[in-house]
């Protein structure tokens, strides 16, 4: 069922949207109780299709985005700039961080869109490793609690 919408999204061209559509579908099917065999088969099919996508369907700019994501140092002043600056920001936060509103990378404009796309980098620079770890643990707790509640909630028999 997901192949048709994902294919239409790829034609747009929006490769990211198509990939996330497939990932979300697999996640929902997993939560719905689909067997691991079927999910594994779908993942194996996707893994088999990826090389064909790379060589026959992906545009050059899409290939460049993938390789840039995997190796941002190959173009540090061009397409790898944002990734490198976000890594610098995370590292400069250290263990405790620089303090609220004291992030130099974010405040001085080295990280573009520091309040949206790269908000974790800015947060990590301000609050450090400890603050980032606390935030991730809280997200995991909230997600786990929501999944637990969804799994243990009885559906009303008369809806």
Protein backbone atom coordinates (compact mmCIF):
# COMPACT_ATOMS: atom_id res chain seq x y z
CA UNK A 1 0.00 0.00 0.00
CA UNK A 2 2.85 2.39 0.67
CA UNK A 3 4.68 1.74 -2.61
CA UNK A 4 2.23 3.79 -4.68
CA UNK A 5 2.27 6.95 -2.53
CA UNK A 6 6.03 6.65 -1.95
CA UNK A 7 6.58 6.31 -5.72
CA UNK A 8 4.45 9.37 -6.39
CA UNK A 9 6.41 11.32 -3.78
CA UNK A 10 9.71 10.28 -5.39
CA UNK A 11 8.46 11.56 -8.76
CA UNK A 12 7.88 15.04 -7.24
CA UNK A 13 11.05 14.78 -6.60
CA UNK A 14 11.04 14.51 -2.82
CA UNK A 15 13.27 11.59 -1.89
CA UNK A 16 13.30 12.51 1.82
CA UNK A 17 9.51 12.49 1.97
CA UNK A 18 9.32 9.10 0.27
CA UNK A 19 11.91 7.58 2.61
CA UNK A 20 10.11 8.86 5.69
CA UNK A 21 6.77 7.63 4.34
CA UNK A 22 8.17 4.11 4.11
CA UNK A 23 9.82 4.36 7.56
CA UNK A 24 6.62 5.62 9.20
CA UNK A 25 4.60 2.87 7.56
CA UNK A 26 6.98 0.18 8.79
CA UNK A 27 6.88 1.67 12.28
CA UNK A 28 3.07 1.71 12.32
CA UNK A 29 2.94 -1.87 11.02
CA UNK A 30 5.38 -2.93 13.72
CA UNK A 31 3.25 -1.28 16.41
CA UNK A 32 0.12 -2.88 14.94
CA UNK A 33 1.68 -6.29 15.54
CA UNK A 34 2.81 -7.33 12.07
CA UNK A 35 5.19 -10.26 12.14
CA UNK A 36 8.92 -9.71 12.02
CA UNK A 37 9.12 -11.96 8.98
CA UNK A 38 7.02 -9.62 6.87
CA UNK A 39 8.79 -6.51 8.15
CA UNK A 40 12.16 -8.17 7.49
CA UNK A 41 11.04 -9.09 3.98
CA UNK A 42 10.03 -5.51 3.27
CA UNK A 43 13.35 -4.23 4.63
CA UNK A 44 15.23 -6.77 2.47
CA UNK A 45 13.25 -5.60 -0.56
CA UNK A 46 14.06 -1.97 0.22
CA UNK A 47 17.75 -2.86 0.66
CA UNK A 48 17.70 -4.58 -2.73
CA UNK A 49 16.07 -1.57 -4.40
CA UNK A 50 18.48 1.03 -2.97
CA UNK A 51 21.40 0.26 -5.34
CA UNK A 52 19.06 0.43 -8.34
CA UNK A 53 17.71 3.74 -7.06
CA UNK A 54 21.26 5.08 -6.70
CA UNK A 55 22.38 4.15 -10.20
CA UNK A 56 19.19 4.58 -12.24
CA UNK A 57 16.73 6.92 -10.52
CA UNK A 58 18.49 9.38 -8.24
CA UNK A 59 19.41 12.76 -9.66
CA UNK A 60 22.97 14.03 -9.25
CA UNK A 61 21.98 16.60 -6.60
CA UNK A 62 20.31 13.85 -4.54
CA UNK A 63 23.44 11.72 -4.68
CA UNK A 64 25.47 14.76 -3.63
CA UNK A 65 23.21 15.34 -0.60
CA UNK A 66 23.64 11.72 0.53
CA UNK A 67 27.43 11.75 0.12
CA UNK A 68 27.63 15.17 1.78
CA UNK A 69 25.66 13.86 4.74
CA UNK A 70 28.05 10.93 5.08
CA UNK A 71 31.20 13.03 4.54
CA UNK A 72 30.61 16.74 5.29
CA UNK A 73 34.37 17.46 5.36
CA UNK A 74 34.59 16.95 1.60
CA UNK A 75 33.16 20.48 1.09
CA UNK A 76 33.66 22.37 4.37
CA UNK A 77 32.89 25.82 2.96
CA UNK A 78 30.02 24.72 0.75
CA UNK A 79 27.38 22.10 1.33
CA UNK A 80 29.12 20.64 4.41
CA UNK A 81 29.29 23.97 6.25
CA UNK A 82 26.08 23.62 8.27
CA UNK A 83 26.83 20.09 9.44
CA UNK A 84 30.39 20.98 10.46
CA UNK A 85 29.25 24.10 12.33
CA UNK A 86 26.57 22.14 14.17
CA UNK A 87 29.16 19.54 15.23
CA UNK A 88 31.44 22.36 16.43
CA UNK A 89 28.55 23.80 18.45
CA UNK A 90 27.77 20.44 20.08
CA UNK A 91 31.43 19.91 20.93
CA UNK A 92 31.95 23.42 22.27
CA UNK A 93 29.14 22.88 24.76
CA UNK A 94 31.33 20.43 26.62
CA UNK A 95 29.97 18.58 29.62
CA UNK A 96 28.04 21.43 31.29
CA UNK A 97 27.41 23.81 28.40
CA UNK A 98 27.99 27.53 28.07
CA UNK A 99 24.77 28.60 29.73
CA UNK A 100 21.39 29.78 28.54
CA UNK A 101 21.62 32.24 25.62
CA UNK A 102 25.42 32.00 25.65
CA UNK A 103 25.86 29.76 22.62
CA UNK A 104 28.48 31.44 20.45
CA UNK A 105 27.89 29.33 17.34
CA UNK A 106 24.16 29.97 17.40
CA UNK A 107 24.24 33.59 18.61
CA UNK A 108 26.93 34.70 16.17
CA UNK A 109 25.19 33.18 13.16
CA UNK A 110 27.57 30.34 12.40
CA UNK A 111 24.63 27.96 12.60
CA UNK A 112 21.95 29.04 10.16
CA UNK A 113 18.39 28.50 11.41
CA UNK A 114 19.61 27.74 14.91
CA UNK A 115 16.06 28.03 16.25
CA UNK A 116 14.56 25.43 13.88
CA UNK A 117 16.69 23.08 11.78
CA UNK A 118 19.69 23.06 14.11
CA UNK A 119 17.98 23.60 17.44
CA UNK A 120 19.60 20.53 19.02
CA UNK A 121 23.06 21.93 18.21
CA UNK A 122 22.18 25.20 19.90
CA UNK A 123 20.64 23.40 22.87
CA UNK A 124 23.70 21.16 23.22
CA UNK A 125 26.02 24.16 23.12
CA UNK A 126 24.03 25.97 25.82
CA UNK A 127 23.32 23.01 28.11
CA UNK A 128 26.18 20.64 27.28
CA UNK A 129 26.31 16.89 27.41
CA UNK A 130 24.40 16.66 30.68
CA UNK A 131 21.49 18.81 29.45
CA UNK A 132 21.38 16.98 26.13
CA UNK A 133 21.36 13.62 27.85
CA UNK A 134 18.55 14.74 30.16
CA UNK A 135 16.53 15.97 27.19
CA UNK A 136 17.01 12.71 25.27
CA UNK A 137 16.06 10.66 28.35
CA UNK A 138 12.92 12.77 28.78
CA UNK A 139 11.97 12.26 25.14
CA UNK A 140 12.52 8.52 25.49
CA UNK A 141 10.45 8.46 28.68
CA UNK A 142 7.56 10.34 27.09
CA UNK A 143 7.67 8.15 23.96
CA UNK A 144 7.91 4.95 26.00
CA UNK A 145 5.10 6.02 28.28
CA UNK A 146 2.87 6.86 25.31
CA UNK A 147 3.59 3.48 23.73
CA UNK A 148 2.92 1.71 27.02
CA UNK A 149 -0.37 3.55 27.47
CA UNK A 150 -1.41 2.77 23.90
CA UNK A 151 -0.60 -0.91 24.35
CA UNK A 152 -2.38 -1.20 27.70
CA UNK A 153 -5.48 0.85 27.04
CA UNK A 154 -8.70 -1.04 26.50
CA UNK A 155 -10.78 0.07 23.54
CA UNK A 156 -14.40 0.89 24.37
CA UNK A 157 -16.65 -1.94 23.25
CA UNK A 158 -19.34 0.46 22.07
CA UNK A 159 -17.96 3.28 20.02
